[in-house]
């Protein structure tokens, strides 16, 4: 899994749910289940990814962002090699 994209996804998740231990996020478990995200949290997560990566994420593609594994695969395809580095000021 591309580490830069994974770090950005985890960073977005921990901003939405600061109580989450980043190392405890399981790659194949649904975010909503393992992190107890509600629909507003998930929308904020999608918006954070959009802002950080500069890509539009259509609502029809939201199911592709449900696990770390699937989100990284989807976002890697969308950014096509242009991976911003994680924000050093975050956890």
Protein backbone atom coordinates (compact mmCIF):
# COMPACT_ATOMS: atom_id res chain seq x y z
CA UNK A 1 0.00 0.00 0.00
CA UNK A 2 1.49 3.34 -0.98
CA UNK A 3 2.74 4.77 2.30
CA UNK A 4 2.20 8.44 1.41
CA UNK A 5 -1.48 7.92 0.63
CA UNK A 6 -1.96 5.69 3.68
CA UNK A 7 -0.41 8.37 5.90
CA UNK A 8 -2.73 11.01 4.45
CA UNK A 9 -5.81 8.81 4.99
CA UNK A 10 -4.79 8.07 8.58
CA UNK A 11 -4.06 11.73 9.18
CA UNK A 12 -7.53 12.69 7.92
CA UNK A 13 -9.13 10.04 10.13
CA UNK A 14 -7.28 11.15 13.26
CA UNK A 15 -8.31 14.75 12.67
CA UNK A 16 -11.96 13.66 12.49
CA UNK A 17 -11.62 11.24 15.42
CA UNK A 18 -8.67 12.42 17.55
CA UNK A 19 -9.17 9.63 20.08
CA UNK A 20 -8.20 7.03 17.46
CA UNK A 21 -4.81 5.38 17.80
CA UNK A 22 -3.40 5.49 14.24
CA UNK A 23 -1.52 2.21 14.68
CA UNK A 24 -4.77 0.46 15.67
CA UNK A 25 -6.49 1.16 12.34
CA UNK A 26 -6.97 -2.17 10.60
CA UNK A 27 -6.47 -2.06 6.84
CA UNK A 28 -9.48 -4.21 5.89
CA UNK A 29 -12.04 -3.19 8.56
CA UNK A 30 -14.72 -0.65 7.77
CA UNK A 31 -13.93 2.79 9.19
CA UNK A 32 -17.50 3.36 10.34
CA UNK A 33 -17.43 0.16 12.40
CA UNK A 34 -13.93 0.24 13.84
CA UNK A 35 -13.82 4.01 14.46
CA UNK A 36 -17.51 4.56 15.21
CA UNK A 37 -17.83 7.27 12.55
CA UNK A 38 -21.24 8.72 11.84
CA UNK A 39 -22.27 10.08 8.44
CA UNK A 40 -21.10 13.62 9.25
CA UNK A 41 -17.72 12.29 10.36
CA UNK A 42 -17.43 10.34 7.12
CA UNK A 43 -18.36 13.41 5.06
CA UNK A 44 -15.72 15.44 6.93
CA UNK A 45 -13.23 12.67 6.20
CA UNK A 46 -14.02 12.83 2.47
CA UNK A 47 -13.74 16.62 2.50
CA UNK A 48 -10.37 16.41 4.28
CA UNK A 49 -9.10 14.02 1.59
CA UNK A 50 -10.36 16.34 -1.12
CA UNK A 51 -8.65 19.34 0.47
CA UNK A 52 -5.37 17.51 1.08
CA UNK A 53 -5.11 15.74 -2.27
CA UNK A 54 -6.88 18.28 -4.47
CA UNK A 55 -9.10 15.70 -6.14
CA UNK A 56 -12.86 15.57 -6.45
CA UNK A 57 -14.43 12.50 -4.91
CA UNK A 58 -17.92 11.89 -6.31
CA UNK A 59 -20.54 10.67 -3.85
CA UNK A 60 -20.94 7.51 -5.94
CA UNK A 61 -17.33 6.65 -5.01
CA UNK A 62 -17.75 7.04 -1.23
CA UNK A 63 -18.14 3.25 -0.75
CA UNK A 64 -14.62 2.89 -2.15
CA UNK A 65 -13.33 4.82 0.88
CA UNK A 66 -14.75 2.49 3.52
CA UNK A 67 -11.49 0.75 4.57
CA UNK A 68 -7.86 1.84 4.68
CA UNK A 69 -6.99 -0.71 2.03
CA UNK A 70 -9.75 0.34 -0.39
CA UNK A 71 -9.26 4.07 0.25
CA UNK A 72 -5.54 3.83 -0.50
CA UNK A 73 -6.19 1.86 -3.70
CA UNK A 74 -8.87 4.31 -4.87
CA UNK A 75 -6.89 7.44 -4.01
CA UNK A 76 -3.69 6.05 -5.51
CA UNK A 77 -5.51 5.56 -8.80
CA UNK A 78 -6.97 9.07 -8.61
CA UNK A 79 -3.76 10.94 -7.86
CA UNK A 80 -1.74 8.85 -10.35
CA UNK A 81 1.64 9.21 -8.72
CA UNK A 82 1.37 12.76 -7.39
CA UNK A 83 1.41 12.07 -3.69
CA UNK A 84 1.69 15.01 -1.29
CA UNK A 85 3.69 14.35 1.84
CA UNK A 86 1.79 14.12 5.13
CA UNK A 87 1.44 17.38 7.02
CA UNK A 88 4.34 17.38 9.53
CA UNK A 89 2.31 19.34 12.08
CA UNK A 90 -0.18 16.54 12.66
CA UNK A 91 -0.04 13.24 14.43
